[in-house]
Amino acid sequence: MNEFSSIRNFVSRFLNFTEEEWMMMQNVLTRRFIKKGEYLLREGEICNHVTFINKGFVRIYNIIQDEDLTINFAFEGNFTTDFASLIPRKPSTDYIVAMEDLEILQLEYTDMQALYESAMVWQKFGRLITEYVLLFVVERNKALLFKSPEERYLKLMKERPKVMANVPLKYIASYLGITPEALSRIRKRLSIPD
């Protein structure tokens, strides 16, 4: 497998493309290696890329009133970006940090726009991936509003085992919108050792 196999498999879940169309995409991807603890994006910067993670994972978070609040995690085999900065070209409120050493493929904003202009298939992919992310955000917001912390934790266990296996509990608690102590109590009730 080469460095483009995983992203090609991901894209092919959403749409069919010709070899020529695929080469348009592959030719504008930049492979990078990021060390654990380094940032792909910081608050105040304009997000200029969409990142596909070949190896490792990132945490996306905000700092609000000196409190570190986890928004999401992105693992190998998935994209990450800050759409709220990328699309309107506004400064980000997010941080995206490497939680492990990363191997990534990045698509710059200007190259993404050129792809949209050069082939309808990439416009379609942009729309489909945006819908995919939007559905995730809607479901997450509903869970935060309407599910109990225990229900959110059980849903996370079921739907995102990579988070449970790789992420420190303090960040899981933050992602669930609860304190580490509350998470510890939930885990005790469920007989899961800390």
N, C-alpha and C. Protein backbone atom coordinates (compact mmCIF):
# COMPACT_ATOMS: atom_id res chain seq x y z
N MET A 1 0.84 -1.20 0.00
CA MET A 1 0.00 0.00 0.00
C MET A 1 0.88 1.26 0.00
N ASN A 2 0.50 2.24 -0.83
CA ASN A 2 1.25 3.48 -0.80
C ASN A 2 0.53 4.50 0.08
N GLU A 3 1.12 5.70 0.20
CA GLU A 3 0.56 6.70 1.12
C GLU A 3 -0.81 7.23 0.69
N PHE A 4 -1.24 6.92 -0.54
CA PHE A 4 -2.53 7.40 -1.03
C PHE A 4 -3.64 6.34 -0.97
N SER A 5 -3.31 5.12 -0.56
CA SER A 5 -4.30 4.02 -0.56
C SER A 5 -5.48 4.30 0.37
N SER A 6 -5.17 4.76 1.57
CA SER A 6 -6.22 4.96 2.58
C SER A 6 -7.18 6.07 2.17
N ILE A 7 -6.65 7.18 1.69
CA ILE A 7 -7.53 8.28 1.28
C ILE A 7 -8.35 7.88 0.06
N ARG A 8 -7.74 7.13 -0.84
CA ARG A 8 -8.48 6.69 -2.02
C ARG A 8 -9.65 5.79 -1.61
N ASN A 9 -9.39 4.88 -0.66
CA ASN A 9 -10.47 4.02 -0.16
C ASN A 9 -11.58 4.83 0.50
N PHE A 10 -11.18 5.84 1.27
CA PHE A 10 -12.17 6.69 1.93
C PHE A 10 -13.05 7.40 0.90
N VAL A 11 -12.42 8.04 -0.08
CA VAL A 11 -13.17 8.79 -1.09
C VAL A 11 -14.09 7.87 -1.88
N SER A 12 -13.63 6.65 -2.16
CA SER A 12 -14.44 5.72 -2.96
C SER A 12 -15.69 5.23 -2.22
N ARG A 13 -15.74 5.44 -0.90
CA ARG A 13 -16.97 5.14 -0.15
C ARG A 13 -18.08 6.12 -0.51
N PHE A 14 -17.72 7.31 -1.00
CA PHE A 14 -18.68 8.36 -1.28
C PHE A 14 -19.05 8.46 -2.75
N LEU A 15 -18.10 8.13 -3.66
CA LEU A 15 -18.39 8.31 -5.07
C LEU A 15 -17.41 7.52 -5.93
N ASN A 16 -17.80 7.34 -7.19
CA ASN A 16 -16.93 6.71 -8.19
C ASN A 16 -16.19 7.79 -8.95
N PHE A 17 -14.97 7.49 -9.34
CA PHE A 17 -14.16 8.45 -10.09
C PHE A 17 -13.27 7.69 -11.06
N THR A 18 -12.86 8.38 -12.11
CA THR A 18 -11.95 7.77 -13.09
C THR A 18 -10.52 7.89 -12.58
N GLU A 19 -9.63 7.16 -13.20
CA GLU A 19 -8.21 7.25 -12.84
C GLU A 19 -7.69 8.67 -13.07
N GLU A 20 -8.14 9.28 -14.14
CA GLU A 20 -7.72 10.66 -14.45
C GLU A 20 -8.20 11.63 -13.36
N GLU A 21 -9.46 11.45 -12.93
CA GLU A 21 -10.01 12.30 -11.87
C GLU A 21 -9.26 12.07 -10.56
N TRP A 22 -8.93 10.80 -10.28
CA TRP A 22 -8.18 10.53 -9.06
C TRP A 22 -6.82 11.20 -9.09
N MET A 23 -6.14 11.16 -10.22
CA MET A 23 -4.81 11.76 -10.31
C MET A 23 -4.85 13.27 -10.10
N MET A 24 -5.97 13.91 -10.48
CA MET A 24 -6.14 15.35 -10.19
C MET A 24 -6.03 15.58 -8.68
N MET A 25 -6.71 14.72 -7.91
CA MET A 25 -6.69 14.84 -6.45
C MET A 25 -5.30 14.48 -5.91
N GLN A 26 -4.79 13.34 -6.30
CA GLN A 26 -3.52 12.86 -5.75
C GLN A 26 -2.40 13.86 -5.99
N ASN A 27 -2.40 14.49 -7.14
CA ASN A 27 -1.31 15.41 -7.50
C ASN A 27 -1.28 16.69 -6.67
N VAL A 28 -2.36 17.00 -5.97
CA VAL A 28 -2.37 18.22 -5.14
C VAL A 28 -2.31 17.92 -3.64
N LEU A 29 -2.15 16.66 -3.28
CA LEU A 29 -2.01 16.29 -1.87
C LEU A 29 -0.55 16.38 -1.45
N THR A 30 -0.32 16.96 -0.28
CA THR A 30 1.03 17.07 0.27
C THR A 30 1.16 16.16 1.48
N ARG A 31 2.14 15.27 1.45
CA ARG A 31 2.37 14.36 2.57
C ARG A 31 3.26 15.06 3.60
N ARG A 32 2.84 14.99 4.87
CA ARG A 32 3.60 15.63 5.95
C ARG A 32 3.66 14.69 7.14
N PHE A 33 4.68 14.92 7.97
CA PHE A 33 4.84 14.18 9.22
C PHE A 33 4.85 15.20 10.35
N ILE A 34 3.98 14.98 11.33
CA ILE A 34 3.80 15.90 12.45
C ILE A 34 4.10 15.15 13.74
N LYS A 35 4.88 15.77 14.62
CA LYS A 35 5.22 15.13 15.90
C LYS A 35 4.08 15.31 16.92
N LYS A 36 3.99 14.35 17.82
CA LYS A 36 3.02 14.43 18.92
C LYS A 36 3.18 15.77 19.62
N GLY A 37 2.06 16.44 19.86
CA GLY A 37 2.08 17.73 20.56
C GLY A 37 2.15 18.94 19.64
N GLU A 38 2.46 18.71 18.37
CA GLU A 38 2.49 19.82 17.41
C GLU A 38 1.07 20.12 16.93
N TYR A 39 0.89 21.35 16.47
CA TYR A 39 -0.44 21.82 16.06
C TYR A 39 -0.58 21.88 14.55
N LEU A 40 -1.75 21.43 14.07
CA LEU A 40 -2.11 21.63 12.66
C LEU A 40 -2.82 22.97 12.51
N LEU A 41 -3.43 23.45 13.60
CA LEU A 41 -4.17 24.71 13.58
C LEU A 41 -4.23 25.26 15.00
N ARG A 42 -4.12 26.59 15.10
CA ARG A 42 -4.27 27.27 16.39
C ARG A 42 -5.33 28.35 16.28
N GLU A 43 -5.93 28.66 17.41
CA GLU A 43 -6.91 29.74 17.47
C GLU A 43 -6.30 31.00 16.87
N GLY A 44 -7.10 31.71 16.07
CA GLY A 44 -6.63 32.95 15.46
C GLY A 44 -6.07 32.79 14.06
N GLU A 45 -5.66 31.57 13.71
CA GLU A 45 -5.16 31.31 12.36
C GLU A 45 -6.34 31.02 11.43
N ILE A 46 -6.16 31.32 10.15
CA ILE A 46 -7.16 30.93 9.16
C ILE A 46 -6.81 29.53 8.68
N CYS A 47 -7.75 28.63 8.76
CA CYS A 47 -7.52 27.25 8.32
C CYS A 47 -7.39 27.23 6.80
N ASN A 48 -6.24 26.76 6.32
CA ASN A 48 -5.95 26.78 4.88
C ASN A 48 -5.91 25.40 4.25
N HIS A 49 -6.34 24.38 4.98
CA HIS A 49 -6.23 23.03 4.43
C HIS A 49 -7.26 22.08 5.02
N VAL A 50 -7.51 21.05 4.25
CA VAL A 50 -8.24 19.88 4.70
C VAL A 50 -7.19 18.80 4.88
N THR A 51 -7.23 18.11 6.01
CA THR A 51 -6.19 17.13 6.34
C THR A 51 -6.78 15.74 6.41
N PHE A 52 -6.14 14.80 5.73
CA PHE A 52 -6.49 13.39 5.83
C PHE A 52 -5.43 12.72 6.69
N ILE A 53 -5.85 11.94 7.67
CA ILE A 53 -4.90 11.31 8.60
C ILE A 53 -4.60 9.89 8.14
N ASN A 54 -3.36 9.66 7.77
CA ASN A 54 -2.92 8.31 7.40
C ASN A 54 -2.55 7.50 8.63
N LYS A 55 -1.90 8.14 9.61
CA LYS A 55 -1.49 7.46 10.84
C LYS A 55 -1.60 8.43 11.99
N GLY A 56 -2.07 7.91 13.14
CA GLY A 56 -2.18 8.72 14.34
C GLY A 56 -3.57 9.30 14.52
N PHE A 57 -3.70 10.25 15.48
CA PHE A 57 -4.97 10.92 15.68
C PHE A 57 -4.76 12.30 16.27
N VAL A 58 -5.79 13.15 16.11
CA VAL A 58 -5.74 14.52 16.61
C VAL A 58 -6.91 14.77 17.54
N ARG A 59 -6.73 15.81 18.35
CA ARG A 59 -7.82 16.31 19.19
C ARG A 59 -8.12 17.72 18.74
N ILE A 60 -9.41 18.03 18.61
CA ILE A 60 -9.86 19.36 18.25
C ILE A 60 -10.50 19.96 19.49
N TYR A 61 -10.04 21.15 19.88
CA TYR A 61 -10.59 21.75 21.10
C TYR A 61 -10.61 23.28 21.01
N ASN A 62 -11.36 23.89 21.92
CA ASN A 62 -11.43 25.34 22.12
C ASN A 62 -10.98 25.63 23.54
N ILE A 63 -10.55 26.85 23.77
CA ILE A 63 -10.33 27.31 25.15
C ILE A 63 -11.32 28.43 25.39
N ILE A 64 -12.22 28.21 26.34
CA ILE A 64 -13.26 29.18 26.67
C ILE A 64 -13.15 29.49 28.16
N GLN A 65 -12.92 30.77 28.49
CA GLN A 65 -12.73 31.21 29.88
C GLN A 65 -11.71 30.32 30.59
N ASP A 66 -10.57 30.14 29.95
CA ASP A 66 -9.44 29.35 30.48
C ASP A 66 -9.74 27.87 30.64
N GLU A 67 -10.86 27.41 30.10
CA GLU A 67 -11.21 26.00 30.18
C GLU A 67 -11.03 25.35 28.81
N ASP A 68 -10.34 24.22 28.83
CA ASP A 68 -10.04 23.45 27.62
C ASP A 68 -11.23 22.52 27.35
N LEU A 69 -11.94 22.78 26.22
CA LEU A 69 -13.15 22.03 25.91
C LEU A 69 -12.96 21.24 24.61
N THR A 70 -13.00 19.91 24.71
CA THR A 70 -12.79 19.04 23.55
C THR A 70 -14.02 19.03 22.66
N ILE A 71 -13.80 19.30 21.38
CA ILE A 71 -14.88 19.29 20.39
C ILE A 71 -14.98 17.92 19.73
N ASN A 72 -13.82 17.36 19.37
CA ASN A 72 -13.85 16.09 18.64
C ASN A 72 -12.45 15.49 18.59
N PHE A 73 -12.40 14.29 18.06
CA PHE A 73 -11.15 13.58 17.77
C PHE A 73 -11.24 13.09 16.33
N ALA A 74 -10.13 13.07 15.63
CA ALA A 74 -10.10 12.50 14.27
C ALA A 74 -8.95 11.50 14.22
N PHE A 75 -9.29 10.31 13.74
CA PHE A 75 -8.34 9.21 13.70
C PHE A 75 -7.91 8.89 12.28
N GLU A 76 -6.91 7.99 12.20
CA GLU A 76 -6.44 7.59 10.88
C GLU A 76 -7.59 7.07 10.04
N GLY A 77 -7.51 7.40 8.75
CA GLY A 77 -8.57 7.00 7.83
C GLY A 77 -9.69 8.01 7.72
N ASN A 78 -9.51 9.21 8.32
CA ASN A 78 -10.53 10.25 8.28
C ASN A 78 -9.93 11.62 8.01
N PHE A 79 -10.80 12.53 7.59
CA PHE A 79 -10.42 13.91 7.37
C PHE A 79 -10.63 14.73 8.63
N THR A 80 -9.89 15.84 8.73
CA THR A 80 -10.17 16.85 9.74
C THR A 80 -9.89 18.22 9.15
N THR A 81 -10.66 19.20 9.59
CA THR A 81 -10.46 20.59 9.21
C THR A 81 -11.32 21.43 10.13
N ASP A 82 -11.24 22.73 9.99
CA ASP A 82 -12.18 23.63 10.67
C ASP A 82 -12.99 24.33 9.59
N PHE A 83 -14.15 23.74 9.25
CA PHE A 83 -14.99 24.30 8.20
C PHE A 83 -15.39 25.74 8.49
N ALA A 84 -15.59 26.08 9.79
CA ALA A 84 -16.03 27.42 10.16
C ALA A 84 -14.95 28.47 9.87
N SER A 85 -13.72 28.05 9.69
CA SER A 85 -12.63 28.94 9.30
C SER A 85 -12.30 28.78 7.82
N LEU A 86 -12.25 27.54 7.36
CA LEU A 86 -11.84 27.23 5.99
C LEU A 86 -12.77 27.87 4.95
N ILE A 87 -14.07 27.69 5.10
CA ILE A 87 -15.02 28.13 4.07
C ILE A 87 -15.14 29.66 4.02
N PRO A 88 -15.42 30.33 5.16
CA PRO A 88 -15.56 31.79 5.07
C PRO A 88 -14.22 32.54 5.13
N ARG A 89 -13.10 31.80 5.29
CA ARG A 89 -11.77 32.40 5.38
C ARG A 89 -11.67 33.33 6.60
N LYS A 90 -12.17 32.85 7.74
CA LYS A 90 -12.15 33.61 8.99
C LYS A 90 -11.18 32.97 9.97
N PRO A 91 -10.63 33.74 10.92
CA PRO A 91 -9.76 33.15 11.93
C PRO A 91 -10.49 32.05 12.71
N SER A 92 -9.77 30.99 13.00
CA SER A 92 -10.33 29.84 13.70
C SER A 92 -10.48 30.12 15.19
N THR A 93 -11.43 29.45 15.80
CA THR A 93 -11.52 29.43 17.26
C THR A 93 -11.02 28.09 17.80
N ASP A 94 -10.61 27.21 16.89
CA ASP A 94 -10.19 25.85 17.26
C ASP A 94 -8.68 25.70 17.34
N TYR A 95 -8.31 24.69 18.10
CA TYR A 95 -6.95 24.14 18.07
C TYR A 95 -7.07 22.72 17.56
N ILE A 96 -6.16 22.30 16.69
CA ILE A 96 -6.08 20.90 16.28
C ILE A 96 -4.67 20.44 16.59
N VAL A 97 -4.54 19.51 17.54
CA VAL A 97 -3.23 19.08 18.04
C VAL A 97 -3.04 17.59 17.80
N ALA A 98 -1.81 17.23 17.46
CA ALA A 98 -1.45 15.81 17.28
C ALA A 98 -1.36 15.13 18.64
N MET A 99 -2.14 14.07 18.81
CA MET A 99 -2.10 13.29 20.06
C MET A 99 -1.09 12.16 19.98
N GLU A 100 -0.65 11.87 18.77
CA GLU A 100 0.41 10.90 18.48
C GLU A 100 1.20 11.46 17.30
N ASP A 101 2.35 10.88 17.00
CA ASP A 101 3.03 11.25 15.76
C ASP A 101 2.08 10.97 14.60
N LEU A 102 2.01 11.91 13.66
CA LEU A 102 1.07 11.80 12.55
C LEU A 102 1.78 11.66 11.21
N GLU A 103 1.13 10.91 10.32
CA GLU A 103 1.41 10.98 8.90
C GLU A 103 0.12 11.47 8.27
N ILE A 104 0.20 12.61 7.57
CA ILE A 104 -1.01 13.22 7.02
C ILE A 104 -0.84 13.56 5.55
N LEU A 105 -1.97 13.75 4.89
CA LEU A 105 -2.02 14.27 3.53
C LEU A 105 -2.87 15.54 3.59
N GLN A 106 -2.33 16.64 3.08
CA GLN A 106 -3.07 17.89 3.16
C GLN A 106 -3.44 18.40 1.77
N LEU A 107 -4.65 18.93 1.70
CA LEU A 107 -5.18 19.55 0.50
C LEU A 107 -5.37 21.02 0.83
N GLU A 108 -4.62 21.89 0.17
CA GLU A 108 -4.71 23.33 0.42
C GLU A 108 -6.04 23.88 -0.12
N TYR A 109 -6.52 24.93 0.52
CA TYR A 109 -7.79 25.55 0.15
C TYR A 109 -7.81 25.93 -1.33
N THR A 110 -6.75 26.55 -1.81
CA THR A 110 -6.72 26.99 -3.21
C THR A 110 -6.76 25.80 -4.17
N ASP A 111 -6.09 24.71 -3.81
CA ASP A 111 -6.12 23.50 -4.64
C ASP A 111 -7.50 22.86 -4.61
N MET A 112 -8.16 22.92 -3.45
CA MET A 112 -9.53 22.38 -3.34
C MET A 112 -10.46 23.16 -4.27
N GLN A 113 -10.34 24.47 -4.28
CA GLN A 113 -11.18 25.29 -5.17
C GLN A 113 -10.89 24.97 -6.63
N ALA A 114 -9.62 24.76 -6.97
CA ALA A 114 -9.25 24.42 -8.35
C ALA A 114 -9.82 23.06 -8.74
N LEU A 115 -9.80 22.11 -7.81
CA LEU A 115 -10.40 20.79 -8.07
C LEU A 115 -11.89 20.92 -8.36
N TYR A 116 -12.58 21.74 -7.57
CA TYR A 116 -14.01 21.96 -7.79
C TYR A 116 -14.27 22.48 -9.20
N GLU A 117 -13.38 23.35 -9.67
CA GLU A 117 -13.55 23.93 -11.00
C GLU A 117 -13.20 22.95 -12.12
N SER A 118 -12.28 22.04 -11.84
CA SER A 118 -11.75 21.17 -12.90
C SER A 118 -12.59 19.93 -13.16
N ALA A 119 -13.33 19.44 -12.14
CA ALA A 119 -14.10 18.21 -12.34
C ALA A 119 -15.32 18.19 -11.42
N MET A 120 -16.47 17.92 -12.01
CA MET A 120 -17.73 17.88 -11.25
C MET A 120 -17.68 16.85 -10.12
N VAL A 121 -16.93 15.77 -10.31
CA VAL A 121 -16.86 14.72 -9.29
C VAL A 121 -16.32 15.28 -7.97
N TRP A 122 -15.39 16.25 -8.04
CA TRP A 122 -14.82 16.80 -6.79
C TRP A 122 -15.78 17.79 -6.14
N GLN A 123 -16.60 18.47 -6.95
CA GLN A 123 -17.67 19.29 -6.36
C GLN A 123 -18.63 18.39 -5.59
N LYS A 124 -18.98 17.27 -6.20
CA LYS A 124 -19.90 16.32 -5.56
C LYS A 124 -19.28 15.78 -4.27
N PHE A 125 -18.01 15.44 -4.31
CA PHE A 125 -17.35 14.94 -3.10
C PHE A 125 -17.36 16.00 -2.00
N GLY A 126 -17.07 17.25 -2.37
CA GLY A 126 -17.10 18.33 -1.38
C GLY A 126 -18.46 18.45 -0.72
N ARG A 127 -19.52 18.34 -1.51
CA ARG A 127 -20.87 18.41 -0.97
C ARG A 127 -21.16 17.22 -0.06
N LEU A 128 -20.80 16.02 -0.51
CA LEU A 128 -21.09 14.81 0.27
C LEU A 128 -20.33 14.80 1.60
N ILE A 129 -19.07 15.23 1.58
CA ILE A 129 -18.29 15.21 2.83
C ILE A 129 -18.82 16.28 3.79
N THR A 130 -19.27 17.40 3.24
CA THR A 130 -19.86 18.45 4.09
C THR A 130 -21.15 17.95 4.73
N GLU A 131 -21.97 17.24 3.97
CA GLU A 131 -23.20 16.66 4.52
C GLU A 131 -22.88 15.63 5.61
N TYR A 132 -21.86 14.82 5.38
CA TYR A 132 -21.41 13.81 6.33
C TYR A 132 -21.02 14.47 7.66
N VAL A 133 -20.23 15.55 7.57
CA VAL A 133 -19.81 16.27 8.77
C VAL A 133 -21.00 16.94 9.45
N LEU A 134 -21.89 17.54 8.66
CA LEU A 134 -23.07 18.21 9.22
C LEU A 134 -23.94 17.23 10.01
N LEU A 135 -24.15 16.04 9.46
CA LEU A 135 -24.95 15.04 10.18
C LEU A 135 -24.30 14.66 11.50
N PHE A 136 -22.97 14.53 11.50
CA PHE A 136 -22.26 14.21 12.74
C PHE A 136 -22.48 15.32 13.77
N VAL A 137 -22.34 16.58 13.34
CA VAL A 137 -22.49 17.72 14.26
C VAL A 137 -23.92 17.78 14.81
N VAL A 138 -24.91 17.56 13.96
CA VAL A 138 -26.31 17.58 14.41
C VAL A 138 -26.54 16.49 15.45
N GLU A 139 -26.05 15.29 15.19
CA GLU A 139 -26.22 14.18 16.14
C GLU A 139 -25.51 14.47 17.46
N ARG A 140 -24.32 15.04 17.38
CA ARG A 140 -23.58 15.38 18.60
C ARG A 140 -24.33 16.43 19.41
N ASN A 141 -24.84 17.46 18.74
CA ASN A 141 -25.59 18.49 19.45
C ASN A 141 -26.84 17.92 20.11
N LYS A 142 -27.54 17.04 19.41
CA LYS A 142 -28.73 16.41 20.00
C LYS A 142 -28.36 15.59 21.23
N ALA A 143 -27.25 14.86 21.14
CA ALA A 143 -26.82 14.05 22.28
C ALA A 143 -26.51 14.93 23.48
N LEU A 144 -25.81 16.05 23.24
CA LEU A 144 -25.48 16.95 24.35
C LEU A 144 -26.73 17.57 24.97
N LEU A 145 -27.73 17.84 24.14
CA LEU A 145 -28.95 18.47 24.64
C LEU A 145 -29.94 17.50 25.27
N PHE A 146 -30.05 16.30 24.72
CA PHE A 146 -31.17 15.43 25.09
C PHE A 146 -30.79 14.12 25.77
N LYS A 147 -29.51 13.75 25.76
CA LYS A 147 -29.11 12.49 26.40
C LYS A 147 -28.40 12.78 27.72
N SER A 148 -28.55 11.86 28.64
CA SER A 148 -27.85 11.99 29.92
C SER A 148 -26.36 11.73 29.69
N PRO A 149 -25.50 12.17 30.61
CA PRO A 149 -24.08 11.89 30.47
C PRO A 149 -23.79 10.39 30.33
N GLU A 150 -24.52 9.56 31.08
CA GLU A 150 -24.31 8.12 30.98
C GLU A 150 -24.70 7.60 29.59
N GLU A 151 -25.81 8.10 29.07
CA GLU A 151 -26.23 7.70 27.71
C GLU A 151 -25.19 8.14 26.67
N ARG A 152 -24.63 9.35 26.84
CA ARG A 152 -23.60 9.83 25.91
C ARG A 152 -22.36 8.95 25.98
N TYR A 153 -22.00 8.55 27.20
CA TYR A 153 -20.83 7.70 27.38
C TYR A 153 -21.04 6.33 26.72
N LEU A 154 -22.20 5.74 26.93
CA LEU A 154 -22.50 4.42 26.33
C LEU A 154 -22.53 4.50 24.81
N LYS A 155 -23.06 5.59 24.28
CA LYS A 155 -23.09 5.81 22.82
C LYS A 155 -21.66 5.92 22.28
N LEU A 156 -20.82 6.64 23.00
CA LEU A 156 -19.42 6.79 22.59
C LEU A 156 -18.71 5.44 22.60
N MET A 157 -18.96 4.65 23.64
CA MET A 157 -18.35 3.32 23.73
C MET A 157 -18.74 2.46 22.53
N LYS A 158 -20.01 2.52 22.18
CA LYS A 158 -20.54 1.68 21.10
C LYS A 158 -20.07 2.15 19.73
N GLU A 159 -20.13 3.47 19.50
CA GLU A 159 -19.92 4.00 18.15
C GLU A 159 -18.49 4.41 17.85
N ARG A 160 -17.69 4.68 18.88
CA ARG A 160 -16.33 5.18 18.62
C ARG A 160 -15.31 4.47 19.52
N PRO A 161 -15.12 3.17 19.31
CA PRO A 161 -14.20 2.43 20.18
C PRO A 161 -12.76 2.95 20.14
N LYS A 162 -12.34 3.56 19.04
CA LYS A 162 -10.98 4.12 18.97
C LYS A 162 -10.79 5.23 20.00
N VAL A 163 -11.84 6.01 20.23
CA VAL A 163 -11.75 7.06 21.25
C VAL A 163 -11.52 6.41 22.61
N MET A 164 -12.33 5.39 22.91
CA MET A 164 -12.24 4.72 24.21
C MET A 164 -10.87 4.07 24.41
N ALA A 165 -10.29 3.54 23.35
CA ALA A 165 -9.02 2.81 23.45
C ALA A 165 -7.80 3.72 23.48
N ASN A 166 -7.91 4.95 22.97
CA ASN A 166 -6.71 5.76 22.77
C ASN A 166 -6.68 7.10 23.50
N VAL A 167 -7.83 7.61 23.90
CA VAL A 167 -7.90 8.97 24.42
C VAL A 167 -7.89 8.97 25.95
N PRO A 168 -7.06 9.82 26.57
CA PRO A 168 -7.08 9.94 28.04
C PRO A 168 -8.47 10.32 28.55
N LEU A 169 -8.82 9.80 29.72
CA LEU A 169 -10.17 9.99 30.27
C LEU A 169 -10.54 11.46 30.46
N LYS A 170 -9.56 12.33 30.79
CA LYS A 170 -9.90 13.74 30.99
C LYS A 170 -10.43 14.38 29.71
N TYR A 171 -9.93 13.93 28.55
CA TYR A 171 -10.41 14.47 27.28
C TYR A 171 -11.74 13.84 26.88
N ILE A 172 -11.94 12.58 27.25
CA ILE A 172 -13.24 11.94 27.02
C ILE A 172 -14.31 12.67 27.83
N ALA A 173 -14.00 12.97 29.09
CA ALA A 173 -14.96 13.70 29.94
C ALA A 173 -15.30 15.04 29.32
N SER A 174 -14.28 15.77 28.88
CA SER A 174 -14.49 17.08 28.26
C SER A 174 -15.37 16.94 27.01
N TYR A 175 -15.10 15.94 26.19
CA TYR A 175 -15.89 15.71 24.97
C TYR A 175 -17.35 15.42 25.31
N LEU A 176 -17.58 14.71 26.40
CA LEU A 176 -18.95 14.37 26.83
C LEU A 176 -19.64 15.53 27.54
N GLY A 177 -18.88 16.59 27.82
CA GLY A 177 -19.46 17.75 28.49
C GLY A 177 -19.64 17.56 29.98
N ILE A 178 -18.77 16.74 30.59
CA ILE A 178 -18.85 16.48 32.03
C ILE A 178 -17.45 16.59 32.64
N THR A 179 -17.40 16.58 33.97
CA THR A 179 -16.10 16.64 34.66
C THR A 179 -15.48 15.23 34.71
N PRO A 180 -14.17 15.16 34.89
CA PRO A 180 -13.54 13.85 35.06
C PRO A 180 -14.12 13.07 36.23
N GLU A 181 -14.52 13.78 37.29
CA GLU A 181 -15.10 13.11 38.47
C GLU A 181 -16.45 12.48 38.11
N ALA A 182 -17.25 13.20 37.34
CA ALA A 182 -18.55 12.65 36.92
C ALA A 182 -18.35 11.44 36.03
N LEU A 183 -17.35 11.50 35.16
CA LEU A 183 -17.04 10.35 34.31
C LEU A 183 -16.62 9.15 35.16
N SER A 184 -15.81 9.41 36.17
CA SER A 184 -15.36 8.34 37.06
C SER A 184 -16.55 7.67 37.75
N ARG A 185 -17.54 8.48 38.17
CA ARG A 185 -18.73 7.92 38.82
C ARG A 185 -19.54 7.07 37.84
N ILE A 186 -19.66 7.54 36.59
CA ILE A 186 -20.38 6.76 35.56
C ILE A 186 -19.67 5.43 35.34
N ARG A 187 -18.35 5.48 35.23
CA ARG A 187 -17.57 4.25 34.99
C ARG A 187 -17.71 3.28 36.17
N LYS A 188 -17.77 3.81 37.38
CA LYS A 188 -17.95 2.94 38.56
C LYS A 188 -19.32 2.26 38.51
N ARG A 189 -20.37 3.06 38.17
CA ARG A 189 -21.72 2.49 38.07
C ARG A 189 -21.77 1.38 37.02
N LEU A 190 -21.00 1.56 35.95
CA LEU A 190 -20.98 0.58 34.87
C LEU A 190 -19.94 -0.53 35.10
N SER A 191 -19.27 -0.44 36.26
CA SER A 191 -18.20 -1.41 36.63
C SER A 191 -17.05 -1.43 35.61
N ILE A 192 -16.62 -0.23 35.21
CA ILE A 192 -15.45 -0.08 34.32
C ILE A 192 -14.35 0.56 35.16
N PRO A 193 -13.22 -0.14 35.34
CA PRO A 193 -12.15 0.43 36.16
C PRO A 193 -11.50 1.66 35.48
N ASP A 194 -11.11 2.66 36.29
CA ASP A 194 -10.40 3.85 35.75
C ASP A 194 -8.95 3.50 35.49
